Amino acid sequence: MLVPPRIKWCDPAGLASADASGVCRCDDGCDYVVKDGSANNGSTPHDEWSCTRLAEIVGIPSPPCTAIERPDGSLVFGSRWEGGVAKEPWWEMIRRGDISLKDIPASLSRIYAFDHFVHNEDRHLNNFLFREQRHGWVVLAFDYSRAWLFNGMPLPQLPFRPQKKTILARRVLCQLFGEYIDKAETDQILDRLGGVKETHILQAINGHPKTWLSEGQKDVIVNWWNSSARTDRIDQIRQGIHDGSYL
């Protein structure tokens, strides 16, 4: 990144987020939700970047992200503020019929499988963005502050505990709309995760500022990616979804 967007001013109010320091207007004319890692273990910029890039690789859309420059010259993670999204709770719009129920199972199923892979236990209902398109709605996934290296590497064992937000959100959706998980869609994402190579991961890591990850941490990630632990995790998620133990 030769010339990252530079922060002009920031508004720290109104996000109700434990990990975001605020919304900043940058010199490219866009607003970004800023995360610098100061609110938790410091790995947030890398975690957000890597999970977003990995999601894009396997076909899960997310808001665009970039490194943005603060006045002191340091670089932090910025997720571009998205316009054109649902202005009220999307699940209520589905209940009213404003969003077609048929538009959501595939996307929510893919995100559910992906969250298990990166160990994102923190997916609540407001961590989905619904944007209207020419035909129907697209679901965008965002917020990986409590995923990936936040949990340590190697990643913790599955399944998620029943009280975790990702599981609680699924239960709420099941109560509202019935069983929505499409196992063919979760299989597709898991197949794609199985096909992601070391070169793809290195390309993602090398695309963000070097200060976001030490060489030692990079080596740990690459070694894990090339190990049976990654493929075993994919197999466990697939089995758990199919037999219901991860649902």
Protein backbone atom coordinates (compact mmCIF):
# COMPACT_ATOMS: atom_id res chain seq x y z
CA MET A 1 0.00 0.00 0.00
CA LEU A 2 1.87 3.07 -1.27
CA VAL A 3 -0.46 5.78 0.00
CA PRO A 4 -2.91 4.65 2.72
CA PRO A 5 -5.93 6.85 3.44
CA ARG A 6 -5.09 9.38 6.13
CA ILE A 7 -7.39 10.25 9.00
CA LYS A 8 -8.75 13.80 8.96
CA TRP A 9 -10.99 13.60 12.03
CA CYS A 10 -12.70 10.99 14.20
CA ASP A 11 -16.02 10.59 15.98
CA PRO A 12 -15.66 8.22 18.95
CA ALA A 13 -19.37 8.17 19.79
CA GLY A 14 -22.25 5.84 19.14
CA LEU A 15 -20.74 2.54 18.02
CA ALA A 16 -21.56 0.41 21.08
CA SER A 17 -18.48 -1.67 20.27
CA ALA A 18 -15.92 -3.02 22.73
CA ASP A 19 -13.17 -3.21 20.10
CA ALA A 20 -13.64 -0.23 17.78
CA SER A 21 -12.15 3.10 18.81
CA GLY A 22 -14.54 5.09 16.62
CA VAL A 23 -15.45 6.13 13.11
CA CYS A 24 -12.95 8.29 11.21
CA ARG A 25 -13.26 10.37 8.06
CA CYS A 26 -10.22 9.93 5.84
CA ASP A 27 -8.76 11.98 3.04
CA ASP A 28 -10.21 9.63 0.43
CA GLY A 29 -13.64 10.96 1.41
CA CYS A 30 -14.73 7.71 3.10
CA ASP A 31 -15.62 6.90 6.70
CA TYR A 32 -13.95 3.91 8.38
CA VAL A 33 -14.60 1.99 11.58
CA VAL A 34 -11.17 1.97 13.23
CA LYS A 35 -9.68 -0.89 15.23
CA ASP A 36 -6.17 -0.64 16.61
CA GLY A 37 -6.04 -3.54 19.07
CA SER A 38 -5.79 -1.38 22.16
CA ALA A 39 -9.07 -2.74 23.54
CA ASN A 40 -7.94 -6.39 23.73
CA ASN A 41 -4.81 -8.42 23.05
CA GLY A 42 -3.33 -6.23 20.31
CA SER A 43 -3.81 -8.69 17.44
CA THR A 44 -7.08 -7.10 16.26
CA PRO A 45 -5.74 -5.36 13.11
CA HIS A 46 -4.21 -8.61 11.87
CA ASP A 47 -7.24 -10.69 12.91
CA GLU A 48 -9.69 -8.37 11.17
CA TRP A 49 -7.57 -8.13 8.04
CA SER A 50 -6.76 -11.83 7.72
CA CYS A 51 -10.29 -13.07 8.40
CA THR A 52 -11.76 -10.55 5.97
CA ARG A 53 -9.28 -11.50 3.26
CA LEU A 54 -9.81 -15.22 3.88
CA ALA A 55 -13.57 -14.74 3.75
CA GLU A 56 -13.18 -13.01 0.39
CA ILE A 57 -11.00 -15.86 -0.92
CA VAL A 58 -13.69 -18.45 -0.19
CA GLY A 59 -16.60 -16.32 -1.40
CA ILE A 60 -18.03 -14.57 1.67
CA PRO A 61 -18.50 -10.83 1.03
CA SER A 62 -17.44 -8.27 3.63
CA PRO A 63 -17.22 -4.47 3.76
CA PRO A 64 -14.00 -3.25 2.09
CA CYS A 65 -11.10 -2.79 4.48
CA THR A 66 -7.72 -1.11 4.38
CA ALA A 67 -4.92 0.14 6.59
CA ILE A 68 -5.41 3.80 7.44
CA GLU A 69 -2.85 6.26 8.73
CA ARG A 70 -3.28 8.13 11.99
CA PRO A 71 -1.83 11.61 12.54
CA ASP A 72 1.17 10.10 14.36
CA GLY A 73 2.01 8.01 11.27
CA SER A 74 0.92 4.66 12.72
CA LEU A 75 -1.31 2.36 10.66
CA VAL A 76 -4.53 0.86 11.98
CA PHE A 77 -7.27 -1.34 10.55
CA GLY A 78 -10.18 0.43 8.91
CA SER A 79 -13.44 -1.15 7.76
CA ARG A 80 -15.23 1.14 5.34
CA TRP A 81 -18.58 2.39 6.56
CA GLU A 82 -21.25 0.86 4.37
CA GLY A 83 -24.17 2.80 2.99
CA GLY A 84 -27.27 1.32 1.42
CA VAL A 85 -27.79 -1.25 4.15
CA ALA A 86 -30.94 -2.07 6.11
CA LYS A 87 -31.72 0.74 8.54
CA GLU A 88 -33.65 -1.42 10.97
CA PRO A 89 -33.26 -4.94 12.37
CA TRP A 90 -33.01 -7.22 9.35
CA TRP A 91 -34.75 -10.10 11.09
CA GLU A 92 -37.82 -7.89 11.58
CA MET A 93 -37.72 -7.00 7.88
CA ILE A 94 -37.74 -10.71 7.09
CA ARG A 95 -40.68 -11.30 9.40
CA ARG A 96 -42.62 -8.54 7.60
CA GLY A 97 -41.65 -9.87 4.21
CA ASP A 98 -39.56 -6.83 3.23
CA ILE A 99 -36.59 -9.19 2.83
CA SER A 100 -37.34 -12.55 1.28
CA LEU A 101 -36.52 -15.47 3.56
CA LYS A 102 -35.15 -17.34 0.56
CA ASP A 103 -32.36 -14.74 0.22
CA ILE A 104 -30.61 -15.60 3.48
CA PRO A 105 -30.03 -19.34 4.18
CA ALA A 106 -27.09 -19.78 1.79
CA SER A 107 -25.19 -16.76 3.09
CA LEU A 108 -25.86 -17.42 6.78
CA SER A 109 -24.85 -21.06 6.34
CA ARG A 110 -21.55 -20.13 4.74
CA ILE A 111 -20.77 -17.59 7.44
CA TYR A 112 -21.65 -20.09 10.16
CA ALA A 113 -19.15 -22.64 8.86
CA PHE A 114 -16.50 -19.96 8.34
CA ASP A 115 -16.95 -18.62 11.88
CA HIS A 116 -16.22 -22.08 13.23
CA PHE A 117 -13.05 -22.33 11.17
CA VAL A 118 -11.59 -18.99 12.40
CA HIS A 119 -13.07 -19.57 15.88
CA ASN A 120 -15.35 -16.56 15.88
CA GLU A 121 -17.59 -17.16 18.88
CA ASP A 122 -18.77 -13.54 18.91
CA ARG A 123 -21.17 -13.44 15.93
CA HIS A 124 -24.36 -11.73 17.08
CA LEU A 125 -27.28 -10.59 14.94
CA ASN A 126 -25.91 -7.09 14.44
CA ASN A 127 -22.71 -8.51 12.94
CA PHE A 128 -24.47 -9.08 9.63
CA LEU A 129 -25.07 -6.26 7.15
CA PHE A 130 -27.94 -6.58 4.70
CA ARG A 131 -27.60 -4.53 1.52
CA GLU A 132 -30.32 -4.29 -1.08
CA GLN A 133 -29.28 -5.10 -4.63
CA ARG A 134 -31.02 -4.97 -7.97
CA HIS A 135 -32.30 -8.48 -7.28
CA GLY A 136 -32.81 -9.30 -3.61
CA TRP A 137 -30.39 -8.73 -0.74
CA VAL A 138 -26.77 -9.62 -0.07
CA VAL A 139 -25.49 -10.50 3.40
CA LEU A 140 -22.11 -9.06 4.40
CA ALA A 141 -20.14 -10.50 7.32
CA PHE A 142 -17.90 -8.27 9.42
CA ASP A 143 -16.23 -7.99 12.84
CA TYR A 144 -13.57 -10.60 13.55
CA SER A 145 -12.03 -8.84 16.55
CA ARG A 146 -12.59 -11.89 18.77
CA ALA A 147 -11.49 -14.49 16.21
CA TRP A 148 -8.25 -15.99 14.87
CA LEU A 149 -5.17 -15.01 16.96
CA PHE A 150 -7.39 -13.51 19.63
CA ASN A 151 -7.95 -17.12 20.73
CA GLY A 152 -4.33 -18.22 20.37
CA MET A 153 -2.71 -20.48 17.82
CA PRO A 154 -3.34 -23.35 17.42
CA LEU A 155 -7.01 -22.49 17.55
CA PRO A 156 -9.10 -23.79 20.47
CA GLN A 157 -11.00 -27.04 20.21
CA LEU A 158 -14.56 -27.15 18.90
CA PRO A 159 -17.52 -27.15 19.32
CA PHE A 160 -18.40 -23.71 20.69
CA ARG A 161 -19.95 -23.68 24.12
CA PRO A 162 -23.75 -23.21 24.12
CA GLN A 163 -23.58 -19.75 25.73
CA LYS A 164 -21.35 -18.24 23.04
CA LYS A 165 -22.92 -15.49 20.93
CA THR A 166 -22.52 -17.35 17.63
CA ILE A 167 -24.62 -20.23 18.99
CA LEU A 168 -27.13 -17.97 20.73
CA ALA A 169 -27.67 -16.00 17.51
CA ARG A 170 -28.31 -19.21 15.61
CA ARG A 171 -30.87 -20.32 18.19
CA VAL A 172 -32.73 -17.02 17.90
CA LEU A 173 -32.83 -17.34 14.11
CA CYS A 174 -34.09 -20.91 14.36
CA GLN A 175 -36.86 -19.77 16.68
CA LEU A 176 -37.84 -17.05 14.22
CA PHE A 177 -37.48 -18.88 10.91
CA GLY A 178 -36.91 -22.57 11.59
CA GLU A 179 -33.84 -24.55 10.60
CA TYR A 180 -32.03 -22.45 8.02
CA ILE A 181 -28.60 -24.09 7.75
CA ASP A 182 -28.02 -25.41 4.24
CA LYS A 183 -25.45 -28.19 4.57
CA ALA A 184 -24.57 -28.07 0.90
CA GLU A 185 -23.51 -24.44 1.41
CA THR A 186 -21.45 -25.21 4.52
CA ASP A 187 -19.79 -28.06 2.63
CA GLN A 188 -18.88 -25.71 -0.20
CA ILE A 189 -17.18 -23.23 2.12
CA LEU A 190 -15.32 -25.99 3.92
CA ASP A 191 -14.18 -27.43 0.58
CA ARG A 192 -12.88 -24.02 -0.41
CA LEU A 193 -11.08 -23.58 2.92
CA GLY A 194 -9.46 -26.94 2.31
CA GLY A 195 -8.17 -25.67 -1.02
CA VAL A 196 -6.59 -22.46 0.27
CA LYS A 197 -2.82 -22.70 -0.05
CA GLU A 198 0.04 -21.28 1.98
CA THR A 199 0.67 -18.78 -0.81
CA HIS A 200 -2.82 -17.35 -0.38
CA ILE A 201 -2.33 -16.88 3.35
CA LEU A 202 1.08 -15.29 2.87
CA GLN A 203 -0.35 -12.97 0.26
CA ALA A 204 -3.02 -11.84 2.74
CA ILE A 205 -0.53 -11.38 5.58
CA ASN A 206 2.00 -9.58 3.43
CA GLY A 207 -0.74 -7.24 2.27
CA HIS A 208 -1.03 -5.57 5.67
CA PRO A 209 1.56 -3.50 7.58
CA LYS A 210 4.42 -5.54 8.99
CA THR A 211 3.89 -4.05 12.44
CA TRP A 212 0.61 -5.94 12.76
CA LEU A 213 2.30 -9.34 13.02
CA SER A 214 5.71 -10.55 14.13
CA GLU A 215 7.77 -12.95 12.05
CA GLY A 216 7.37 -15.52 14.80
CA GLN A 217 3.60 -15.24 14.67
CA LYS A 218 3.66 -15.51 10.89
CA ASP A 219 5.68 -18.73 11.12
CA VAL A 220 3.21 -20.19 13.62
CA ILE A 221 0.28 -19.42 11.29
CA VAL A 222 1.99 -20.88 8.23
CA ASN A 223 3.06 -24.01 10.09
CA TRP A 224 -0.48 -24.53 11.35
CA TRP A 225 -1.89 -23.95 7.87
CA ASN A 226 0.33 -26.65 6.44
CA SER A 227 -0.42 -29.13 9.21
CA SER A 228 -3.06 -31.81 9.65
CA ALA A 229 -4.59 -29.65 12.40
CA ARG A 230 -6.15 -27.39 9.77
CA THR A 231 -7.58 -30.20 7.66
CA ASP A 232 -8.74 -32.04 10.78
CA ARG A 233 -10.57 -28.90 11.88
CA ILE A 234 -12.34 -28.67 8.54
CA ASP A 235 -13.37 -32.33 8.78
CA GLN A 236 -14.61 -31.84 12.35
CA ILE A 237 -16.74 -28.86 11.38
CA ARG A 238 -18.23 -30.74 8.46
CA GLN A 239 -19.05 -33.75 10.64
CA GLY A 240 -20.41 -31.60 13.46
CA ILE A 241 -22.77 -29.73 11.17
CA HIS A 242 -23.97 -32.89 9.47
CA ASP A 243 -24.60 -34.83 12.68
CA GLY A 244 -26.00 -31.78 14.49
CA SER A 245 -23.42 -31.59 17.29
CA TYR A 246 -22.20 -28.15 16.08
CA LEU A 247 -25.72 -26.80 15.53
